[in-house]
């Protein structure tokens, strides 16, 4: 009986692991966001020179939807197809953090 329970548990774990990459891939779609319109605001928020701010960054769909004013489902569909882009009309903490991370990477 223990052997059957162990086998079932192993199969369940294997099934979960096999399906998780697909679920993860759907959630990890990135959007190329043009941030030149908000570069001055981001530079002020990060206390850096605007010349250090990149023209575009890749951010998760939810961040892009917020800063670009585009529906998340639209960007999600584009991200799944590998061609999601938008132009930021505002900034937020999440976008600032992505930009700061990119600046640090150089």
N, C-alpha and C. Protein backbone atom coordinates (compact mmCIF):
# COMPACT_ATOMS: atom_id res chain seq x y z
N UNK A 1 0.82 -1.20 0.00
CA UNK A 1 0.00 0.00 0.00
C UNK A 1 0.87 1.26 0.00
N UNK A 2 1.97 1.20 0.79
CA UNK A 2 2.89 2.34 0.82
C UNK A 2 3.48 2.59 -0.56
N UNK A 3 3.78 1.50 -1.24
CA UNK A 3 4.39 1.61 -2.56
C UNK A 3 3.45 2.29 -3.56
N UNK A 4 2.19 1.98 -3.48
CA UNK A 4 1.20 2.59 -4.37
C UNK A 4 1.08 4.08 -4.07
N UNK A 5 1.00 4.43 -2.80
CA UNK A 5 0.91 5.83 -2.42
C UNK A 5 2.15 6.60 -2.86
N UNK A 6 3.30 5.99 -2.71
CA UNK A 6 4.54 6.62 -3.13
C UNK A 6 4.57 6.83 -4.64
N UNK A 7 4.10 5.83 -5.38
CA UNK A 7 4.06 5.93 -6.83
C UNK A 7 3.10 7.02 -7.27
N UNK A 8 1.96 7.10 -6.64
CA UNK A 8 0.98 8.15 -6.98
C UNK A 8 1.55 9.52 -6.68
N UNK A 9 2.20 9.66 -5.55
CA UNK A 9 2.81 10.94 -5.19
C UNK A 9 3.89 11.33 -6.19
N UNK A 10 4.68 10.36 -6.62
CA UNK A 10 5.74 10.63 -7.60
C UNK A 10 5.15 11.05 -8.94
N UNK A 11 4.10 10.36 -9.36
CA UNK A 11 3.45 10.72 -10.62
C UNK A 11 2.82 12.11 -10.55
N UNK A 12 2.23 12.43 -9.43
CA UNK A 12 1.63 13.75 -9.26
C UNK A 12 2.70 14.83 -9.32
N UNK A 13 3.82 14.60 -8.65
CA UNK A 13 4.92 15.57 -8.66
C UNK A 13 5.49 15.73 -10.07
N UNK A 14 5.66 14.63 -10.77
CA UNK A 14 6.18 14.69 -12.13
C UNK A 14 5.23 15.44 -13.05
N UNK A 15 3.96 15.20 -12.88
CA UNK A 15 2.95 15.88 -13.68
C UNK A 15 2.98 17.39 -13.41
N UNK A 16 3.11 17.76 -12.17
CA UNK A 16 3.16 19.18 -11.79
C UNK A 16 4.40 19.83 -12.39
N UNK A 17 5.54 19.17 -12.28
CA UNK A 17 6.77 19.72 -12.84
C UNK A 17 6.71 19.82 -14.35
N UNK A 18 6.11 18.87 -14.99
CA UNK A 18 6.02 18.87 -16.44
C UNK A 18 5.12 19.99 -16.94
N UNK A 19 4.10 20.32 -16.18
CA UNK A 19 3.17 21.36 -16.64
C UNK A 19 3.60 22.75 -16.20
N UNK A 20 4.45 22.87 -15.21
CA UNK A 20 4.80 24.19 -14.69
C UNK A 20 5.59 25.06 -15.65
N UNK A 21 6.51 24.53 -16.49
CA UNK A 21 7.20 25.43 -17.42
C UNK A 21 6.25 26.16 -18.35
N UNK A 22 5.22 25.48 -18.82
CA UNK A 22 4.26 26.15 -19.70
C UNK A 22 3.51 27.24 -18.97
N UNK A 23 3.09 26.95 -17.75
CA UNK A 23 2.38 27.97 -16.97
C UNK A 23 3.30 29.13 -16.66
N UNK A 24 4.56 28.82 -16.33
CA UNK A 24 5.52 29.88 -16.03
C UNK A 24 5.76 30.74 -17.25
N UNK A 25 5.89 30.12 -18.41
CA UNK A 25 6.16 30.87 -19.64
C UNK A 25 5.04 31.84 -19.94
N UNK A 26 3.81 31.45 -19.68
CA UNK A 26 2.69 32.35 -19.93
C UNK A 26 2.73 33.56 -19.01
N UNK A 27 3.23 33.39 -17.80
CA UNK A 27 3.25 34.48 -16.85
C UNK A 27 4.49 35.35 -16.99
N UNK A 28 5.51 34.86 -17.67
CA UNK A 28 6.77 35.59 -17.70
C UNK A 28 6.96 36.37 -18.99
N UNK A 29 5.92 36.59 -19.79
CA UNK A 29 6.05 37.35 -21.01
C UNK A 29 6.52 38.76 -20.74
N UNK A 30 7.41 39.24 -21.57
CA UNK A 30 7.95 40.58 -21.41
C UNK A 30 7.49 41.47 -22.55
N UNK A 31 7.42 42.75 -22.23
CA UNK A 31 6.99 43.75 -23.19
C UNK A 31 8.13 44.75 -23.35
N UNK A 32 8.47 45.09 -24.59
CA UNK A 32 9.45 46.14 -24.86
C UNK A 32 8.74 47.48 -24.71
N UNK A 33 9.17 48.26 -23.73
CA UNK A 33 8.52 49.54 -23.45
C UNK A 33 9.46 50.68 -23.82
N UNK A 34 8.98 51.56 -24.68
CA UNK A 34 9.71 52.78 -25.04
C UNK A 34 9.48 53.77 -23.90
N UNK A 35 10.57 54.19 -23.25
CA UNK A 35 10.42 55.06 -22.08
C UNK A 35 10.96 56.47 -22.30
N UNK A 36 11.26 56.82 -23.56
CA UNK A 36 11.85 58.14 -23.79
C UNK A 36 10.94 59.28 -23.37
N UNK A 37 9.62 59.09 -23.43
CA UNK A 37 8.69 60.16 -23.03
C UNK A 37 8.67 60.41 -21.52
N UNK A 38 9.10 59.42 -20.75
CA UNK A 38 9.10 59.56 -19.29
C UNK A 38 10.51 59.49 -18.70
N UNK A 39 11.52 59.57 -19.56
CA UNK A 39 12.91 59.45 -19.12
C UNK A 39 13.29 60.49 -18.07
N UNK A 40 12.84 61.72 -18.25
CA UNK A 40 13.17 62.77 -17.26
C UNK A 40 12.58 62.44 -15.89
N UNK A 41 11.35 61.96 -15.87
CA UNK A 41 10.71 61.60 -14.60
C UNK A 41 11.45 60.44 -13.92
N UNK A 42 11.82 59.44 -14.71
CA UNK A 42 12.53 58.29 -14.15
C UNK A 42 13.89 58.74 -13.61
N UNK A 43 14.59 59.57 -14.37
CA UNK A 43 15.90 60.07 -13.93
C UNK A 43 15.77 60.82 -12.60
N UNK A 44 14.75 61.64 -12.47
CA UNK A 44 14.53 62.36 -11.21
C UNK A 44 14.23 61.38 -10.08
N UNK A 45 13.39 60.41 -10.33
CA UNK A 45 13.04 59.43 -9.30
C UNK A 45 14.25 58.63 -8.84
N UNK A 46 15.14 58.32 -9.78
CA UNK A 46 16.32 57.50 -9.46
C UNK A 46 17.53 58.35 -9.07
N UNK A 47 17.37 59.66 -9.21
CA UNK A 47 18.46 60.60 -8.90
C UNK A 47 19.71 60.30 -9.73
N UNK A 48 19.49 60.17 -11.04
CA UNK A 48 20.58 59.96 -11.99
C UNK A 48 20.41 60.94 -13.14
N UNK A 49 21.47 61.08 -13.94
CA UNK A 49 21.39 61.93 -15.12
C UNK A 49 20.52 61.25 -16.18
N UNK A 50 19.72 62.01 -16.86
CA UNK A 50 18.80 61.47 -17.85
C UNK A 50 19.55 60.71 -18.95
N UNK A 51 20.80 61.06 -19.19
CA UNK A 51 21.57 60.36 -20.22
C UNK A 51 21.82 58.89 -19.87
N UNK A 52 21.63 58.52 -18.60
CA UNK A 52 21.81 57.14 -18.17
C UNK A 52 20.55 56.29 -18.41
N UNK A 53 19.45 56.93 -18.70
CA UNK A 53 18.18 56.22 -18.88
C UNK A 53 18.14 55.62 -20.28
N UNK A 54 17.91 54.32 -20.38
CA UNK A 54 17.83 53.69 -21.72
C UNK A 54 16.57 54.14 -22.46
N UNK A 55 16.56 53.93 -23.75
CA UNK A 55 15.40 54.30 -24.57
C UNK A 55 14.26 53.30 -24.38
N UNK A 56 14.61 52.01 -24.27
CA UNK A 56 13.61 50.97 -24.07
C UNK A 56 14.06 50.02 -22.97
N UNK A 57 13.09 49.40 -22.33
CA UNK A 57 13.36 48.35 -21.35
C UNK A 57 12.32 47.25 -21.54
N UNK A 58 12.66 46.07 -21.06
CA UNK A 58 11.70 44.96 -21.09
C UNK A 58 11.12 44.80 -19.70
N UNK A 59 9.80 44.80 -19.61
CA UNK A 59 9.12 44.68 -18.33
C UNK A 59 7.99 43.66 -18.44
N UNK A 60 7.55 43.13 -17.30
CA UNK A 60 6.41 42.21 -17.30
C UNK A 60 5.15 42.89 -17.85
N UNK A 61 4.25 42.08 -18.32
CA UNK A 61 3.01 42.57 -18.93
C UNK A 61 2.24 43.52 -18.01
N UNK A 62 2.11 43.17 -16.73
CA UNK A 62 1.31 44.01 -15.84
C UNK A 62 1.93 45.40 -15.66
N UNK A 63 3.25 45.47 -15.61
CA UNK A 63 3.92 46.77 -15.48
C UNK A 63 3.71 47.58 -16.75
N UNK A 64 3.90 46.95 -17.90
CA UNK A 64 3.72 47.63 -19.18
C UNK A 64 2.29 48.14 -19.34
N UNK A 65 1.33 47.33 -18.97
CA UNK A 65 -0.07 47.74 -19.09
C UNK A 65 -0.33 49.01 -18.28
N UNK A 66 0.22 49.06 -17.10
CA UNK A 66 0.01 50.21 -16.22
C UNK A 66 0.67 51.47 -16.76
N UNK A 67 1.95 51.38 -17.15
CA UNK A 67 2.67 52.59 -17.56
C UNK A 67 2.33 53.02 -18.99
N UNK A 68 1.82 52.11 -19.79
CA UNK A 68 1.47 52.45 -21.17
C UNK A 68 -0.02 52.74 -21.35
N UNK A 69 -0.83 52.37 -20.37
CA UNK A 69 -2.26 52.58 -20.50
C UNK A 69 -2.89 51.66 -21.54
N UNK A 70 -2.38 50.44 -21.63
CA UNK A 70 -2.88 49.45 -22.59
C UNK A 70 -3.41 48.27 -21.79
N UNK A 71 -4.47 47.66 -22.27
CA UNK A 71 -5.07 46.52 -21.57
C UNK A 71 -4.06 45.37 -21.46
N UNK A 72 -3.97 44.78 -20.28
CA UNK A 72 -3.03 43.70 -20.02
C UNK A 72 -3.28 42.50 -20.93
N UNK A 73 -4.55 42.21 -21.24
CA UNK A 73 -4.84 41.05 -22.10
C UNK A 73 -4.32 41.26 -23.52
N UNK A 74 -4.33 42.49 -23.99
CA UNK A 74 -3.80 42.81 -25.33
C UNK A 74 -2.29 42.59 -25.33
N UNK A 75 -1.61 43.15 -24.33
CA UNK A 75 -0.16 42.99 -24.24
C UNK A 75 0.23 41.54 -23.99
N UNK A 76 -0.57 40.84 -23.20
CA UNK A 76 -0.31 39.42 -22.94
C UNK A 76 -0.37 38.59 -24.20
N UNK A 77 -1.34 38.87 -25.05
CA UNK A 77 -1.46 38.16 -26.33
C UNK A 77 -0.25 38.46 -27.21
N UNK A 78 0.14 39.73 -27.25
CA UNK A 78 1.31 40.12 -28.04
C UNK A 78 2.58 39.49 -27.49
N UNK A 79 2.71 39.46 -26.16
CA UNK A 79 3.90 38.88 -25.53
C UNK A 79 4.01 37.39 -25.84
N UNK A 80 2.88 36.72 -25.83
CA UNK A 80 2.87 35.29 -26.15
C UNK A 80 3.34 35.05 -27.58
N UNK A 81 3.06 36.00 -28.45
CA UNK A 81 3.49 35.90 -29.85
C UNK A 81 4.91 36.43 -30.04
N UNK A 82 5.47 37.02 -28.99
CA UNK A 82 6.85 37.51 -29.05
C UNK A 82 7.03 38.88 -29.64
N UNK A 83 5.95 39.68 -29.71
CA UNK A 83 6.07 41.00 -30.34
C UNK A 83 5.35 42.10 -29.56
N UNK A 84 5.45 42.08 -28.26
CA UNK A 84 4.75 43.07 -27.44
C UNK A 84 5.58 44.33 -27.27
N UNK A 85 5.00 45.45 -27.65
CA UNK A 85 5.66 46.75 -27.49
C UNK A 85 4.62 47.79 -27.11
N UNK A 86 5.07 48.82 -26.40
CA UNK A 86 4.21 49.96 -26.11
C UNK A 86 5.08 51.14 -25.71
N UNK A 87 4.48 52.30 -25.61
CA UNK A 87 5.18 53.52 -25.22
C UNK A 87 4.64 53.97 -23.88
N UNK A 88 5.54 54.16 -22.93
CA UNK A 88 5.14 54.58 -21.59
C UNK A 88 4.64 56.02 -21.61
N UNK A 89 3.53 56.23 -20.90
CA UNK A 89 2.99 57.58 -20.74
C UNK A 89 3.10 58.03 -19.29
N UNK A 90 3.53 57.09 -18.43
CA UNK A 90 3.74 57.40 -17.01
C UNK A 90 4.79 56.44 -16.49
N UNK A 91 5.17 56.63 -15.25
CA UNK A 91 6.12 55.72 -14.63
C UNK A 91 5.55 55.26 -13.29
N UNK A 92 6.16 54.24 -12.74
CA UNK A 92 5.77 53.76 -11.42
C UNK A 92 6.98 53.10 -10.77
N UNK A 93 6.83 52.66 -9.57
CA UNK A 93 7.95 52.07 -8.83
C UNK A 93 8.53 50.86 -9.56
N UNK A 94 7.67 50.01 -10.09
CA UNK A 94 8.14 48.80 -10.77
C UNK A 94 8.98 49.16 -12.00
N UNK A 95 8.53 50.11 -12.78
CA UNK A 95 9.29 50.54 -13.96
C UNK A 95 10.61 51.15 -13.53
N UNK A 96 10.57 51.99 -12.52
CA UNK A 96 11.80 52.60 -12.01
C UNK A 96 12.81 51.54 -11.58
N UNK A 97 12.32 50.49 -10.94
CA UNK A 97 13.22 49.42 -10.48
C UNK A 97 13.86 48.68 -11.65
N UNK A 98 13.09 48.44 -12.70
CA UNK A 98 13.65 47.77 -13.88
C UNK A 98 14.72 48.65 -14.52
N UNK A 99 14.44 49.93 -14.64
CA UNK A 99 15.41 50.85 -15.23
C UNK A 99 16.67 50.91 -14.36
N UNK A 100 16.49 51.00 -13.06
CA UNK A 100 17.63 51.05 -12.16
C UNK A 100 18.49 49.78 -12.29
N UNK A 101 17.84 48.66 -12.38
CA UNK A 101 18.55 47.40 -12.56
C UNK A 101 19.34 47.39 -13.86
N UNK A 102 18.75 47.90 -14.92
CA UNK A 102 19.44 47.93 -16.21
C UNK A 102 20.62 48.89 -16.17
N UNK A 103 20.48 50.01 -15.48
CA UNK A 103 21.58 50.96 -15.35
C UNK A 103 22.74 50.30 -14.62
N UNK A 104 22.44 49.57 -13.56
CA UNK A 104 23.49 48.89 -12.77
C UNK A 104 24.23 47.86 -13.61
N UNK A 105 23.50 47.17 -14.49
CA UNK A 105 24.13 46.15 -15.35
C UNK A 105 25.06 46.78 -16.37
N UNK A 106 24.76 48.06 -16.67
CA UNK A 106 25.62 48.81 -17.57
C UNK A 106 25.41 48.50 -18.98
